[in-house]
Each structure stands twice: as C-alpha cells, then as structure tokens.
Amino acid sequence: MRKRFRTRVHEQRGVSIIELLVGVAVGIIVVTGAVKLMSDTLSSNRRLTLETRVNQDLRAAADLIARDIRRAGYWNNAVSGVFNATGAAATPNPHRDIQVGTGDIRYNFARQSGAQPNDVDAAEWAGFQLKNDGTLELLLSRNGGTEDWRPMNDPGVVRFTTLTITPLATPRVVELYTYCTCLAKLTCTAADFQDLSSSGGAKGSYFDNRPTLTIRQFTVLLAAEAANDPSIRREIAESVRVRNDRLDGSCPTV
C-alpha cells in the first residue's frame, strides 16, 4: 500500500514553465484586445459627443443670425417711406443701412413701442462679430460709441473660426420709374430720367435719383471646430433675404 501511494504522488506533476509562458501570453493578448476595444469605444463616443456639440452650436448660431438679419431695417412708420408718383417727398427709412465688415455685421431696426417714427436714436442696434479667440458675439445695444457685445459660445468647448457675410454679387434692383407721373403723362419712361442738364434740358437731372427698390440678400458662412480636437470641424452656409427692401430715389415733381 505504501509503495502504490508513493507512485501516484510521484506521477502528479505541475505546469511547466513553457505552458505557463504560453498561458500568460494568451492572457495578455486577450486583455490587450479587450482594452483596445474599450479604448476605441470610448474614443468613438467622445468624438461623437464633440461632433454633436459642434453641429448643435453651429446650427443654433446660423439660425439665430439668419432670423435676426431678416428683420434688419424694420420701421414702424414704413408708410411714410412709400414714394409718391407725383414727386411728393417721402421720408427715408432711418434704419435702412446695413454695415457689413470683415467678420462682422451691424444693422438696426425700430423699437415696436415707445419710439418716435423718425427718431434715429430710438433704433435698436444689433449685429454679430467674430473675435480672434473663437468667440462669436451678439450686439445687444449701442449707445453712441459704446457697444454691448455678449458671447454666444464657450471658446473652451467650441471655437468659431469663420464668419463671412457676403452680399449678393449682383443686387436685384427693381425699377419704379414706370409708376411715376411725368408732366401730362400718366407714366414715366426711361427717357424722362435721362440727364438733360448738360444739354440745357428744362427737366434737369433725374436719372441718378430715379426710384428703385433694392432686394437685399446675404450669404452667411459659419465654420467652427472643437477646442480639444481641431480635426473635428464643420461649416454651414445659409442664404438670408432681408424682409425690408431698400427704397431709394423719388419721382420728378409734377
């Protein structure tokens, strides 16, 4: 009995060093694959989160800029700016000018209450500009030379890189002289607005002051990137038509 027990004990052997190394190597490969898979998943989720944030901020800013520019030139006494066919003086819209610069735009419109129709100081100023640090700013008010700008984004998360506002290359101008009354004629023609002052014409020069309606349209281009990953960059372009067309000129006085 004692001999048989010793034989069994002698036959029981442990794992060899080679088997141990192979097992460790296999385990390392499996763990490395799992860690790599987890790392790729986390990286993908992080990138997706940054892309979503950039897209959201870009879309929100573009929609806000487009909606706000459309109301540029609003005047609560616009009926006074309608030209008269017989040449009676029309009050020019005090809010019709739009100032477009490099990376900024400024415009104004009348307050809807508590303002005199012809009081330019009662204008509500608005606009947008892009700062060098990637901050997109909104103009809330302007009092003389003092402007109140407020940030629209956090440049530490999403940084805007481009703000370009481009007017239509060829503005759409509607000629209104055919609605004017010239002397005894019910309607004017282009010949009635020719410059006759150099040839001694009695009517004088009307052509440069002929009534026109300019339809204003802008292309807004915005680009932004993630502050922590500049490779995540998106851009968006929108076409904006100002609702308040610009009226210039007048009919000859009859």
Foldseek 3Di string as FASTA:
>chain_A
DVVVVVVVVVPDDDDDPVNVVVVVVVVVVVVVVVVVVVVVVVVVVVLVVLLVVQVVLQVVVVVVQQVVQQAFLAFPPCVQQDFDQQFDDGDFRLFPDWDDDAFKIKGWYADPDDDDRPDNQRTFIWMWGADPLQWIWIWGGDDPPDTDIDTDDDSQFKGKDHKDKAKDPDWDKAFDQQCHADVPRRGDDQVLQPACVVVPDPQHHQVVQGKMWTWIKIKIKIKMATNVDRVSIDIDIDIHTHNDIGITGHYRHD
